């Protein structure tokens, strides 16, 4: 779940994003039913087995999905742009993880979300070093 932590930290640190979507509406794992829209849900899709770099460090790669739940299609599209701007291409240290790199890994389909909402996902490939 470290990739989820990294993506959550990048989203929360993006001033343009949190101006549009309050940090309190960025959740990991599950959105409560009564969450105001727009809201973001950050989830782990998959994790590749850790690859040893040396005796003390593992290289980890995870696929992380950010689902947008919005009240309109336009709001959904704006949120996807803000998510991509906040995370795509990041290289550096963040949230206690070193040598982080974040690449886009695909955009999911437009779907009908709960309560007549609009929903779409943006996936990322998150790689980082972690103590073995």
N, C-alpha and C. Protein backbone atom coordinates (compact mmCIF):
# COMPACT_ATOMS: atom_id res chain seq x y z
N UNK A 1 0.82 -1.20 0.00
CA UNK A 1 0.00 0.00 0.00
C UNK A 1 0.86 1.26 0.00
N UNK A 2 2.13 1.13 -0.19
CA UNK A 2 3.00 2.30 -0.18
C UNK A 2 2.76 3.21 -1.38
N UNK A 3 2.46 2.62 -2.53
CA UNK A 3 2.14 3.43 -3.71
C UNK A 3 0.92 4.29 -3.46
N UNK A 4 -0.05 3.76 -2.73
CA UNK A 4 -1.25 4.52 -2.37
C UNK A 4 -0.86 5.71 -1.50
N UNK A 5 0.04 5.49 -0.56
CA UNK A 5 0.51 6.57 0.31
C UNK A 5 1.21 7.66 -0.51
N UNK A 6 2.04 7.24 -1.45
CA UNK A 6 2.78 8.19 -2.29
C UNK A 6 1.82 9.02 -3.14
N UNK A 7 0.90 8.37 -3.83
CA UNK A 7 -0.05 9.09 -4.68
C UNK A 7 -0.93 10.00 -3.82
N UNK A 8 -1.37 9.52 -2.67
CA UNK A 8 -2.17 10.37 -1.77
C UNK A 8 -1.42 11.61 -1.34
N UNK A 9 -0.12 11.45 -1.05
CA UNK A 9 0.69 12.60 -0.65
C UNK A 9 0.85 13.61 -1.79
N UNK A 10 1.06 13.11 -3.01
CA UNK A 10 1.19 14.01 -4.15
C UNK A 10 -0.12 14.74 -4.43
N UNK A 11 -1.23 14.05 -4.34
CA UNK A 11 -2.53 14.69 -4.55
C UNK A 11 -2.77 15.76 -3.49
N UNK A 12 -2.51 15.42 -2.23
CA UNK A 12 -2.74 16.36 -1.13
C UNK A 12 -1.83 17.58 -1.17
N UNK A 13 -0.66 17.45 -1.83
CA UNK A 13 0.30 18.56 -1.91
C UNK A 13 0.05 19.46 -3.12
N UNK A 14 -0.91 19.09 -3.96
CA UNK A 14 -1.19 19.88 -5.16
C UNK A 14 -2.20 20.98 -4.85
N UNK A 15 -1.72 22.21 -4.80
CA UNK A 15 -2.61 23.35 -4.50
C UNK A 15 -3.77 23.46 -5.50
N UNK A 16 -3.53 23.36 -6.80
CA UNK A 16 -4.67 23.45 -7.73
C UNK A 16 -5.71 22.36 -7.50
N UNK A 17 -5.26 21.16 -7.15
CA UNK A 17 -6.20 20.06 -6.93
C UNK A 17 -7.01 20.27 -5.65
N UNK A 18 -6.34 20.58 -4.54
CA UNK A 18 -7.08 20.71 -3.27
C UNK A 18 -7.93 21.98 -3.22
N UNK A 19 -7.69 22.91 -4.15
CA UNK A 19 -8.58 24.06 -4.27
C UNK A 19 -9.92 23.61 -4.86
N UNK A 20 -9.87 22.61 -5.74
CA UNK A 20 -11.07 22.10 -6.40
C UNK A 20 -11.70 20.94 -5.63
N UNK A 21 -10.85 20.05 -5.09
CA UNK A 21 -11.32 18.88 -4.35
C UNK A 21 -10.64 18.93 -2.98
N UNK A 22 -11.40 19.18 -1.96
CA UNK A 22 -10.83 19.31 -0.61
C UNK A 22 -10.06 18.05 -0.22
N UNK A 23 -8.94 18.23 0.47
CA UNK A 23 -8.11 17.11 0.90
C UNK A 23 -8.90 16.10 1.73
N UNK A 24 -9.94 16.54 2.41
CA UNK A 24 -10.78 15.63 3.21
C UNK A 24 -11.60 14.70 2.32
N UNK A 25 -11.68 14.99 1.02
CA UNK A 25 -12.42 14.13 0.09
C UNK A 25 -11.49 13.29 -0.78
N UNK A 26 -10.24 13.16 -0.35
CA UNK A 26 -9.28 12.26 -0.98
C UNK A 26 -9.09 11.11 0.00
N UNK A 27 -9.56 9.93 -0.36
CA UNK A 27 -9.56 8.79 0.55
C UNK A 27 -8.82 7.60 -0.05
N UNK A 28 -8.32 6.73 0.80
CA UNK A 28 -7.71 5.48 0.38
C UNK A 28 -8.68 4.34 0.70
N UNK A 29 -8.78 3.40 -0.20
CA UNK A 29 -9.56 2.20 0.06
C UNK A 29 -11.03 2.27 -0.28
N UNK A 30 -11.76 3.20 0.34
CA UNK A 30 -13.21 3.25 0.15
C UNK A 30 -13.75 4.64 0.46
N UNK A 31 -14.73 5.07 -0.32
CA UNK A 31 -15.39 6.35 -0.05
C UNK A 31 -16.65 6.11 0.77
N UNK A 32 -16.84 6.83 1.86
CA UNK A 32 -18.10 6.72 2.60
C UNK A 32 -19.27 7.13 1.71
N UNK A 33 -20.43 6.55 1.91
CA UNK A 33 -21.62 6.82 1.10
C UNK A 33 -22.00 8.29 1.04
N UNK A 34 -21.81 9.02 2.12
CA UNK A 34 -22.27 10.41 2.19
C UNK A 34 -21.19 11.43 1.81
N UNK A 35 -20.14 11.00 1.11
CA UNK A 35 -19.05 11.90 0.73
C UNK A 35 -19.53 12.92 -0.30
N UNK A 36 -19.27 14.20 -0.05
CA UNK A 36 -19.61 15.25 -1.01
C UNK A 36 -18.76 15.07 -2.27
N UNK A 37 -19.31 15.48 -3.40
CA UNK A 37 -18.60 15.37 -4.68
C UNK A 37 -18.08 16.72 -5.12
N UNK A 38 -16.98 16.75 -5.85
CA UNK A 38 -16.19 15.62 -6.31
C UNK A 38 -15.33 15.04 -5.19
N UNK A 39 -14.99 13.77 -5.37
CA UNK A 39 -14.15 13.07 -4.40
C UNK A 39 -13.22 12.12 -5.15
N UNK A 40 -12.11 11.77 -4.50
CA UNK A 40 -11.13 10.86 -5.09
C UNK A 40 -10.92 9.66 -4.20
N UNK A 41 -10.78 8.50 -4.84
CA UNK A 41 -10.51 7.26 -4.13
C UNK A 41 -9.22 6.67 -4.68
N UNK A 42 -8.22 6.47 -3.82
CA UNK A 42 -6.92 5.95 -4.22
C UNK A 42 -6.82 4.50 -3.77
N UNK A 43 -6.55 3.60 -4.75
CA UNK A 43 -6.50 2.16 -4.45
C UNK A 43 -5.32 1.49 -5.13
N UNK A 44 -4.82 0.44 -4.48
CA UNK A 44 -3.78 -0.40 -5.07
C UNK A 44 -4.44 -1.37 -6.06
N UNK A 45 -3.89 -1.41 -7.28
CA UNK A 45 -4.38 -2.34 -8.30
C UNK A 45 -3.53 -3.60 -8.28
N UNK A 46 -2.20 -3.42 -8.28
CA UNK A 46 -1.30 -4.57 -8.25
C UNK A 46 0.07 -4.14 -7.76
N UNK A 47 0.85 -5.13 -7.32
CA UNK A 47 2.21 -4.88 -6.84
C UNK A 47 3.12 -5.94 -7.43
N UNK A 48 4.21 -5.51 -8.04
CA UNK A 48 5.18 -6.44 -8.61
C UNK A 48 6.10 -6.89 -7.49
N UNK A 49 6.51 -8.16 -7.52
CA UNK A 49 7.42 -8.67 -6.51
C UNK A 49 8.62 -7.75 -6.35
N UNK A 50 9.04 -7.60 -5.11
CA UNK A 50 10.16 -6.72 -4.82
C UNK A 50 11.45 -7.27 -5.42
N UNK A 51 12.22 -6.38 -6.00
CA UNK A 51 13.49 -6.74 -6.63
C UNK A 51 14.64 -6.20 -5.78
N UNK A 52 15.52 -7.08 -5.32
CA UNK A 52 16.65 -6.67 -4.49
C UNK A 52 17.64 -5.82 -5.28
N UNK A 53 18.00 -4.68 -4.73
CA UNK A 53 19.02 -3.84 -5.33
C UNK A 53 20.38 -4.11 -4.68
N UNK A 54 20.35 -4.32 -3.40
CA UNK A 54 21.54 -4.66 -2.63
C UNK A 54 21.04 -5.34 -1.36
N UNK A 55 21.84 -5.47 -0.38
CA UNK A 55 21.41 -6.16 0.84
C UNK A 55 20.43 -5.39 1.69
N UNK A 56 20.26 -4.09 1.44
CA UNK A 56 19.44 -3.29 2.34
C UNK A 56 18.23 -2.63 1.67
N UNK A 57 18.13 -2.71 0.33
CA UNK A 57 17.09 -1.98 -0.37
C UNK A 57 16.35 -2.86 -1.37
N UNK A 58 15.04 -2.72 -1.40
CA UNK A 58 14.21 -3.37 -2.41
C UNK A 58 13.65 -2.30 -3.33
N UNK A 59 13.54 -2.61 -4.62
CA UNK A 59 12.85 -1.73 -5.57
C UNK A 59 11.44 -2.28 -5.72
N UNK A 60 10.45 -1.43 -5.46
CA UNK A 60 9.05 -1.83 -5.49
C UNK A 60 8.35 -1.08 -6.62
N UNK A 61 7.51 -1.78 -7.35
CA UNK A 61 6.69 -1.14 -8.38
C UNK A 61 5.24 -1.55 -8.16
N UNK A 62 4.37 -0.56 -8.06
CA UNK A 62 2.95 -0.81 -7.84
C UNK A 62 2.12 -0.03 -8.86
N UNK A 63 0.97 -0.60 -9.19
CA UNK A 63 0.00 0.10 -10.03
C UNK A 63 -1.07 0.63 -9.09
N UNK A 64 -1.29 1.94 -9.16
CA UNK A 64 -2.23 2.61 -8.26
C UNK A 64 -3.28 3.31 -9.10
N UNK A 65 -4.53 3.18 -8.69
CA UNK A 65 -5.66 3.77 -9.40
C UNK A 65 -6.25 4.90 -8.57
N UNK A 66 -6.54 6.01 -9.24
CA UNK A 66 -7.24 7.12 -8.59
C UNK A 66 -8.59 7.25 -9.29
N UNK A 67 -9.65 6.94 -8.56
CA UNK A 67 -11.01 7.04 -9.10
C UNK A 67 -11.59 8.40 -8.75
N UNK A 68 -12.15 9.04 -9.76
CA UNK A 68 -12.85 10.31 -9.57
C UNK A 68 -14.34 9.99 -9.50
N UNK A 69 -14.99 10.53 -8.52
CA UNK A 69 -16.46 10.48 -8.45
C UNK A 69 -16.92 11.93 -8.46
N UNK A 70 -17.72 12.30 -9.48
CA UNK A 70 -18.10 13.69 -9.68
C UNK A 70 -19.59 13.81 -9.96
N UNK A 71 -20.10 15.03 -9.86
CA UNK A 71 -21.53 15.26 -10.09
C UNK A 71 -21.84 15.61 -11.54
N UNK A 72 -20.79 15.84 -12.37
CA UNK A 72 -21.01 16.10 -13.80
C UNK A 72 -19.83 15.56 -14.58
N UNK A 73 -20.04 15.37 -15.87
CA UNK A 73 -18.96 14.90 -16.74
C UNK A 73 -17.84 15.93 -16.81
N UNK A 74 -18.20 17.19 -16.89
CA UNK A 74 -17.19 18.25 -16.94
C UNK A 74 -16.34 18.24 -15.67
N UNK A 75 -16.97 18.11 -14.53
CA UNK A 75 -16.26 18.07 -13.25
C UNK A 75 -15.31 16.86 -13.22
N UNK A 76 -15.76 15.74 -13.77
CA UNK A 76 -14.93 14.53 -13.84
C UNK A 76 -13.69 14.78 -14.69
N UNK A 77 -13.86 15.40 -15.85
CA UNK A 77 -12.74 15.65 -16.77
C UNK A 77 -11.74 16.65 -16.16
N UNK A 78 -12.23 17.67 -15.50
CA UNK A 78 -11.34 18.63 -14.82
C UNK A 78 -10.52 17.91 -13.76
N UNK A 79 -11.17 17.06 -12.98
CA UNK A 79 -10.47 16.33 -11.91
C UNK A 79 -9.39 15.42 -12.48
N UNK A 80 -9.66 14.73 -13.58
CA UNK A 80 -8.66 13.86 -14.20
C UNK A 80 -7.43 14.69 -14.60
N UNK A 81 -7.64 15.85 -15.17
CA UNK A 81 -6.52 16.73 -15.54
C UNK A 81 -5.70 17.15 -14.33
N UNK A 82 -6.38 17.48 -13.24
CA UNK A 82 -5.68 17.89 -12.02
C UNK A 82 -4.90 16.73 -11.41
N UNK A 83 -5.46 15.54 -11.45
CA UNK A 83 -4.79 14.34 -10.93
C UNK A 83 -3.51 14.08 -11.71
N UNK A 84 -3.63 14.11 -13.03
CA UNK A 84 -2.45 13.88 -13.88
C UNK A 84 -1.37 14.93 -13.62
N UNK A 85 -1.77 16.19 -13.52
CA UNK A 85 -0.81 17.26 -13.27
C UNK A 85 -0.11 17.10 -11.92
N UNK A 86 -0.83 16.59 -10.92
CA UNK A 86 -0.27 16.44 -9.58
C UNK A 86 0.72 15.28 -9.47
N UNK A 87 0.53 14.24 -10.28
CA UNK A 87 1.30 13.01 -10.07
C UNK A 87 2.21 12.60 -11.22
N UNK A 88 1.76 12.74 -12.45
CA UNK A 88 2.50 12.21 -13.60
C UNK A 88 3.88 12.84 -13.74
N UNK A 89 4.87 11.99 -13.89
CA UNK A 89 6.23 12.46 -14.10
C UNK A 89 6.99 12.83 -12.85
N UNK A 90 6.39 12.64 -11.67
CA UNK A 90 7.09 12.97 -10.43
C UNK A 90 8.31 12.07 -10.27
N UNK A 91 9.44 12.67 -9.90
CA UNK A 91 10.66 11.95 -9.57
C UNK A 91 11.25 12.62 -8.34
N UNK A 92 11.56 11.83 -7.31
CA UNK A 92 12.16 12.39 -6.11
C UNK A 92 11.77 11.60 -4.88
N UNK A 93 11.86 12.23 -3.74
CA UNK A 93 11.50 11.63 -2.47
C UNK A 93 10.19 12.23 -1.98
N UNK A 94 9.32 11.39 -1.44
CA UNK A 94 8.03 11.88 -0.94
C UNK A 94 7.46 10.88 0.05
N UNK A 95 6.76 11.39 1.05
CA UNK A 95 6.04 10.57 2.03
C UNK A 95 6.92 9.52 2.70
N UNK A 96 8.20 9.84 2.89
CA UNK A 96 9.12 8.91 3.54
C UNK A 96 9.70 7.85 2.61
N UNK A 97 9.42 7.93 1.31
CA UNK A 97 9.95 6.97 0.35
C UNK A 97 10.98 7.65 -0.53
N UNK A 98 12.04 6.92 -0.89
CA UNK A 98 13.10 7.50 -1.69
C UNK A 98 13.10 6.96 -3.11
N UNK A 99 13.70 7.76 -4.00
CA UNK A 99 13.83 7.43 -5.42
C UNK A 99 12.49 7.05 -6.03
N UNK A 100 11.49 7.85 -5.75
CA UNK A 100 10.14 7.62 -6.27
C UNK A 100 10.07 8.09 -7.72
N UNK A 101 9.40 7.30 -8.54
CA UNK A 101 9.07 7.75 -9.89
C UNK A 101 7.62 7.37 -10.16
N UNK A 102 6.89 8.28 -10.80
CA UNK A 102 5.47 8.07 -11.08
C UNK A 102 5.23 8.30 -12.57
N UNK A 103 4.68 7.29 -13.22
CA UNK A 103 4.32 7.36 -14.63
C UNK A 103 2.83 7.07 -14.79
N UNK A 104 2.21 7.67 -15.79
CA UNK A 104 0.82 7.32 -16.05
C UNK A 104 0.77 5.88 -16.56
N UNK A 105 -0.34 5.19 -16.28
CA UNK A 105 -0.49 3.78 -16.67
C UNK A 105 -1.88 3.51 -17.22
N UNK A 106 -2.51 4.52 -17.79
CA UNK A 106 -3.79 4.30 -18.44
C UNK A 106 -4.93 5.02 -17.77
N UNK A 107 -5.94 5.30 -18.60
CA UNK A 107 -7.15 5.96 -18.16
C UNK A 107 -8.30 4.96 -18.29
N UNK A 108 -9.09 4.82 -17.24
CA UNK A 108 -10.19 3.87 -17.26
C UNK A 108 -11.40 4.42 -17.99
N UNK A 109 -12.42 3.58 -18.16
CA UNK A 109 -13.62 4.00 -18.88
C UNK A 109 -14.49 4.94 -18.06
N UNK A 110 -15.32 5.71 -18.75
CA UNK A 110 -16.37 6.48 -18.09
C UNK A 110 -17.42 5.49 -17.62
N UNK A 111 -17.78 5.55 -16.35
CA UNK A 111 -18.83 4.66 -15.84
C UNK A 111 -19.82 5.46 -15.00
N UNK A 112 -20.99 4.88 -14.81
CA UNK A 112 -21.98 5.47 -13.92
C UNK A 112 -21.61 5.09 -12.50
N UNK A 113 -21.39 6.08 -11.66
CA UNK A 113 -21.07 5.82 -10.27
C UNK A 113 -22.32 5.76 -9.41
N UNK A 114 -22.16 5.47 -8.14
CA UNK A 114 -23.31 5.42 -7.23
C UNK A 114 -24.02 6.76 -7.14
N UNK A 115 -25.30 6.73 -6.91
CA UNK A 115 -26.07 7.95 -6.72
C UNK A 115 -26.10 8.84 -7.95
N UNK A 116 -26.09 8.23 -9.13
CA UNK A 116 -26.15 8.98 -10.39
C UNK A 116 -24.91 9.88 -10.58
N UNK A 117 -23.77 9.45 -10.07
CA UNK A 117 -22.53 10.22 -10.22
C UNK A 117 -21.77 9.76 -11.46
N UNK A 118 -20.76 10.54 -11.83
CA UNK A 118 -19.89 10.24 -12.96
C UNK A 118 -18.57 9.73 -12.37
N UNK A 119 -18.02 8.66 -12.96
CA UNK A 119 -16.81 8.08 -12.39
C UNK A 119 -15.84 7.65 -13.49
N UNK A 120 -14.55 7.84 -13.22
CA UNK A 120 -13.49 7.42 -14.12
C UNK A 120 -12.22 7.26 -13.30
N UNK A 121 -11.30 6.39 -13.76
CA UNK A 121 -10.05 6.19 -13.05
C UNK A 121 -8.85 6.61 -13.89
N UNK A 122 -7.84 7.11 -13.20
CA UNK A 122 -6.52 7.36 -13.79
C UNK A 122 -5.55 6.46 -13.04
N UNK A 123 -4.83 5.62 -13.77
CA UNK A 123 -3.87 4.71 -13.15
C UNK A 123 -2.46 5.26 -13.28
N UNK A 124 -1.63 4.87 -12.31
CA UNK A 124 -0.22 5.25 -12.29
C UNK A 124 0.64 4.04 -11.98
N UNK A 125 1.84 4.07 -12.52
CA UNK A 125 2.87 3.08 -12.16
C UNK A 125 3.82 3.81 -11.22
N UNK A 126 3.88 3.33 -9.97
CA UNK A 126 4.67 3.99 -8.92
C UNK A 126 5.81 3.08 -8.53
N UNK A 127 7.04 3.55 -8.68
CA UNK A 127 8.23 2.79 -8.28
C UNK A 127 8.96 3.56 -7.19
N UNK A 128 9.52 2.81 -6.25
CA UNK A 128 10.23 3.45 -5.12
C UNK A 128 11.14 2.43 -4.46
N UNK A 129 12.11 2.94 -3.69
CA UNK A 129 13.00 2.09 -2.91
C UNK A 129 12.44 1.97 -1.49
N UNK A 130 12.59 0.78 -0.95
CA UNK A 130 12.11 0.52 0.41
C UNK A 130 13.15 -0.35 1.12
N UNK A 131 13.35 -0.09 2.39
CA UNK A 131 14.29 -0.90 3.16
C UNK A 131 13.87 -2.37 3.11
N UNK A 132 14.86 -3.24 2.92
CA UNK A 132 14.59 -4.69 2.81
C UNK A 132 14.18 -5.28 4.13
